[in-house]
Amino acid sequence: MPHRAFGIYVHITWHARFRQRLIRRADVDAVRAAIREAAVRWKVHVHEVAILSDHVHVIASFRPEGGVVAFIRHAKSESSRRINRVRGNVFQWARGYFVESLSRTHVRAACAYVARQHLRHPERVPQ
């Protein structure tokens, strides 16, 4: 059996259209569920998530054959579909996303950073 080892870690963010604070407390579960579903489908391991009223942070790792772009596309489209199904056609994500690679040694610090987003931006906690 061939040996395969990998450690591909990323910090991903995406924003609501025009950076509007449209994500409500009731929407957080829909966004989190869509991220979870996308992670299973695209074989992405989610280490940490922060969902704020205008943007999302995700620390994740994935296999080389995994699809980080497909994961993001799925999470964004499915979460907006779920929010709009409940609230009407009121929500859109902005086009695009930000992804930066992380060293394995920085994953713990990045997870802590994402976990503290609600403390860093209390005005952006979904209401």
C-alpha atoms as a PDB file:
ATOM      1  CA  MET A   1       0.000   0.000   0.000  1.00  0.00           C
ATOM      2  CA  PRO A   2       1.472   3.374  -0.969  1.00  0.00           C
ATOM      3  CA  HIS A   3       2.186   5.862   1.790  1.00  0.00           C
ATOM      4  CA  ARG A   4       0.169   9.075   1.673  1.00  0.00           C
ATOM      5  CA  ALA A   5       0.485  11.886   4.154  1.00  0.00           C
ATOM      6  CA  PHE A   6      -0.856  15.389   3.877  1.00  0.00           C
ATOM      7  CA  GLY A   7      -1.586  18.420   5.996  1.00  0.00           C
ATOM      8  CA  ILE A   8      -3.477  21.038   4.042  1.00  0.00           C
ATOM      9  CA  TYR A   9      -5.016  23.617   6.372  1.00  0.00           C
ATOM     10  CA  VAL A  10      -6.868  26.784   5.407  1.00  0.00           C
ATOM     11  CA  HIS A  11      -8.634  29.799   6.860  1.00  0.00           C
ATOM     12  CA  ILE A  12     -11.706  30.645   4.765  1.00  0.00           C
ATOM     13  CA  THR A  13     -13.979  33.665   4.967  1.00  0.00           C
ATOM     14  CA  TRP A  14     -16.938  34.841   2.927  1.00  0.00           C
ATOM     15  CA  HIS A  15     -19.273  37.782   3.366  1.00  0.00           C
ATOM     16  CA  ALA A  16     -22.894  38.739   2.960  1.00  0.00           C
ATOM     17  CA  ARG A  17     -23.621  40.821  -0.114  1.00  0.00           C
ATOM     18  CA  PHE A  18     -22.476  44.422   0.366  1.00  0.00           C
ATOM     19  CA  ARG A  19     -21.277  43.286   3.825  1.00  0.00           C
ATOM     20  CA  GLN A  20     -24.790  43.877   5.117  1.00  0.00           C
ATOM     21  CA  ARG A  21     -25.534  42.512   8.575  1.00  0.00           C
ATOM     22  CA  LEU A  22     -28.273  40.171   7.402  1.00  0.00           C
ATOM     23  CA  ILE A  23     -27.546  36.949   9.280  1.00  0.00           C
ATOM     24  CA  ARG A  24     -29.883  36.647  12.246  1.00  0.00           C
ATOM     25  CA  ARG A  25     -29.594  34.386  15.263  1.00  0.00           C
ATOM     26  CA  ALA A  26     -32.290  32.152  13.741  1.00  0.00           C
ATOM     27  CA  ASP A  27     -30.165  31.794  10.563  1.00  0.00           C
ATOM     28  CA  VAL A  28     -27.018  30.594  12.329  1.00  0.00           C
ATOM     29  CA  ASP A  29     -28.201  26.973  12.524  1.00  0.00           C
ATOM     30  CA  ALA A  30     -28.979  26.955   8.793  1.00  0.00           C
ATOM     31  CA  VAL A  31     -25.515  28.279   7.946  1.00  0.00           C
ATOM     32  CA  ARG A  32     -23.817  25.836  10.321  1.00  0.00           C
ATOM     33  CA  ALA A  33     -25.835  22.901   8.921  1.00  0.00           C
ATOM     34  CA  ALA A  34     -24.948  23.864   5.347  1.00  0.00           C
ATOM     35  CA  ILE A  35     -21.255  24.039   6.285  1.00  0.00           C
ATOM     36  CA  ARG A  36     -21.500  20.618   7.953  1.00  0.00           C
ATOM     37  CA  GLU A  37     -23.276  19.124   4.934  1.00  0.00           C
ATOM     38  CA  ALA A  38     -20.726  20.612   2.514  1.00  0.00           C
ATOM     39  CA  ALA A  39     -17.881  19.268   4.661  1.00  0.00           C
ATOM     40  CA  VAL A  40     -19.244  15.734   4.506  1.00  0.00           C
ATOM     41  CA  ARG A  41     -19.928  15.894   0.794  1.00  0.00           C
ATOM     42  CA  TRP A  42     -16.528  17.343  -0.159  1.00  0.00           C
ATOM     43  CA  LYS A  43     -14.462  15.520   2.508  1.00  0.00           C
ATOM     44  CA  VAL A  44     -13.398  18.671   4.326  1.00  0.00           C
ATOM     45  CA  HIS A  45     -12.644  18.537   8.040  1.00  0.00           C
ATOM     46  CA  VAL A  46     -13.967  21.668   9.760  1.00  0.00           C
ATOM     47  CA  HIS A  47     -11.932  22.592  12.826  1.00  0.00           C
ATOM     48  CA  GLU A  48     -13.670  25.841  13.818  1.00  0.00           C
ATOM     49  CA  VAL A  49     -16.505  28.071  12.573  1.00  0.00           C
ATOM     50  CA  ALA A  50     -17.629  31.579  13.488  1.00  0.00           C
ATOM     51  CA  ILE A  51     -20.844  32.936  12.018  1.00  0.00           C
ATOM     52  CA  LEU A  52     -21.277  36.674  12.405  1.00  0.00           C
ATOM     53  CA  SER A  53     -24.051  38.893  11.107  1.00  0.00           C
ATOM     54  CA  ASP A  54     -22.131  39.822   7.954  1.00  0.00           C
ATOM     55  CA  HIS A  55     -19.496  37.142   7.418  1.00  0.00           C
ATOM     56  CA  VAL A  56     -18.322  33.610   8.188  1.00  0.00           C
ATOM     57  CA  HIS A  57     -14.912  32.249   9.226  1.00  0.00           C
ATOM     58  CA  VAL A  58     -13.973  28.578   8.781  1.00  0.00           C
ATOM     59  CA  ILE A  59     -10.745  26.807   9.722  1.00  0.00           C
ATOM     60  CA  ALA A  60     -10.595  23.575   7.754  1.00  0.00           C
ATOM     61  CA  SER A  61      -8.327  20.870   6.429  1.00  0.00           C
ATOM     62  CA  PHE A  62      -8.789  18.702   3.384  1.00  0.00           C
ATOM     63  CA  ARG A  63      -7.267  15.938   1.331  1.00  0.00           C
ATOM     64  CA  PRO A  64      -5.280  16.844  -1.791  1.00  0.00           C
ATOM     65  CA  GLU A  65      -8.067  15.471  -3.987  1.00  0.00           C
ATOM     66  CA  GLY A  66     -10.662  17.324  -1.919  1.00  0.00           C
ATOM     67  CA  GLY A  67     -12.442  20.344  -3.256  1.00  0.00           C
ATOM     68  CA  VAL A  68     -12.109  23.433  -1.084  1.00  0.00           C
ATOM     69  CA  VAL A  69     -13.771  25.586  -3.772  1.00  0.00           C
ATOM     70  CA  ALA A  70     -16.626  23.087  -4.156  1.00  0.00           C
ATOM     71  CA  PHE A  71     -16.973  23.054  -0.347  1.00  0.00           C
ATOM     72  CA  ILE A  72     -17.278  26.856  -0.254  1.00  0.00           C
ATOM     73  CA  ARG A  73     -19.716  26.944  -3.181  1.00  0.00           C
ATOM     74  CA  HIS A  74     -21.906  24.290  -1.570  1.00  0.00           C
ATOM     75  CA  ALA A  75     -21.857  25.921   1.881  1.00  0.00           C
ATOM     76  CA  LYS A  76     -22.705  29.354   0.480  1.00  0.00           C
ATOM     77  CA  SER A  77     -25.434  28.267  -1.918  1.00  0.00           C
ATOM     78  CA  GLU A  78     -27.113  25.829   0.457  1.00  0.00           C
ATOM     79  CA  SER A  79     -27.062  28.241   3.416  1.00  0.00           C
ATOM     80  CA  SER A  80     -28.571  31.084   1.383  1.00  0.00           C
ATOM     81  CA  ARG A  81     -31.198  28.705  -0.008  1.00  0.00           C
ATOM     82  CA  ARG A  82     -32.132  27.621   3.538  1.00  0.00           C
ATOM     83  CA  ILE A  83     -32.282  31.191   4.867  1.00  0.00           C
ATOM     84  CA  ASN A  84     -34.392  32.363   1.922  1.00  0.00           C
ATOM     85  CA  ARG A  85     -36.741  29.391   2.201  1.00  0.00           C
ATOM     86  CA  VAL A  86     -37.643  30.532   5.729  1.00  0.00           C
ATOM     87  CA  ARG A  87     -37.416  34.323   5.390  1.00  0.00           C
ATOM     88  CA  GLY A  88     -38.290  34.925   1.761  1.00  0.00           C
ATOM     89  CA  ASN A  89     -35.817  36.047  -0.880  1.00  0.00           C
ATOM     90  CA  VAL A  90     -33.913  38.439   1.408  1.00  0.00           C
ATOM     91  CA  PHE A  91     -30.384  37.020   1.637  1.00  0.00           C
ATOM     92  CA  GLN A  92     -27.407  36.727  -0.684  1.00  0.00           C
ATOM     93  CA  TRP A  93     -23.727  36.067  -0.144  1.00  0.00           C
ATOM     94  CA  ALA A  94     -21.232  38.322  -1.873  1.00  0.00           C
ATOM     95  CA  ARG A  95     -19.462  36.822  -4.853  1.00  0.00           C
ATOM     96  CA  GLY A  96     -16.133  35.240  -4.016  1.00  0.00           C
ATOM     97  CA  TYR A  97     -14.315  34.246  -0.854  1.00  0.00           C
ATOM     98  CA  PHE A  98     -10.932  34.518   0.861  1.00  0.00           C
ATOM     99  CA  VAL A  99      -8.737  31.482   1.484  1.00  0.00           C
ATOM    100  CA  GLU A 100      -5.296  31.474   3.070  1.00  0.00           C
ATOM    101  CA  SER A 101      -3.125  28.485   3.785  1.00  0.00           C
ATOM    102  CA  LEU A 102      -2.078  27.730   7.343  1.00  0.00           C
ATOM    103  CA  SER A 103       0.913  25.918   8.704  1.00  0.00           C
ATOM    104  CA  ARG A 104       0.039  22.947  10.900  1.00  0.00           C
ATOM    105  CA  THR A 105       1.734  24.781  13.773  1.00  0.00           C
ATOM    106  CA  HIS A 106      -0.656  27.729  13.349  1.00  0.00           C
ATOM    107  CA  VAL A 107      -3.925  25.786  13.248  1.00  0.00           C
ATOM    108  CA  ARG A 108      -4.503  25.941  17.007  1.00  0.00           C
ATOM    109  CA  ALA A 109      -3.937  29.720  17.085  1.00  0.00           C
ATOM    110  CA  ALA A 110      -6.170  30.207  14.033  1.00  0.00           C
ATOM    111  CA  CYS A 111      -8.944  28.166  15.684  1.00  0.00           C
ATOM    112  CA  ALA A 112      -8.641  30.309  18.810  1.00  0.00           C
ATOM    113  CA  TYR A 113      -8.792  33.463  16.669  1.00  0.00           C
ATOM    114  CA  VAL A 114     -11.967  32.260  14.941  1.00  0.00           C
ATOM    115  CA  ALA A 115     -13.522  31.126  18.234  1.00  0.00           C
ATOM    116  CA  ARG A 116     -12.995  34.665  19.625  1.00  0.00           C
ATOM    117  CA  GLN A 117     -14.711  36.447  16.713  1.00  0.00           C
ATOM    118  CA  HIS A 118     -17.855  37.082  18.766  1.00  0.00           C
ATOM    119  CA  LEU A 119     -15.716  38.779  21.415  1.00  0.00           C
ATOM    120  CA  ARG A 120     -13.688  40.761  18.857  1.00  0.00           C
ATOM    121  CA  HIS A 121     -16.824  41.957  17.062  1.00  0.00           C
ATOM    122  CA  PRO A 122     -19.673  42.044  19.601  1.00  0.00           C
ATOM    123  CA  GLU A 123     -21.602  44.421  17.333  1.00  0.00           C
ATOM    124  CA  ARG A 124     -21.634  41.711  14.656  1.00  0.00           C
ATOM    125  CA  VAL A 125     -23.093  38.919  16.772  1.00  0.00           C
ATOM    126  CA  PRO A 126     -26.303  37.807  15.035  1.00  0.00           C
ATOM    127  CA  GLN A 127     -29.382  39.189  16.805  1.00  0.00           C
END
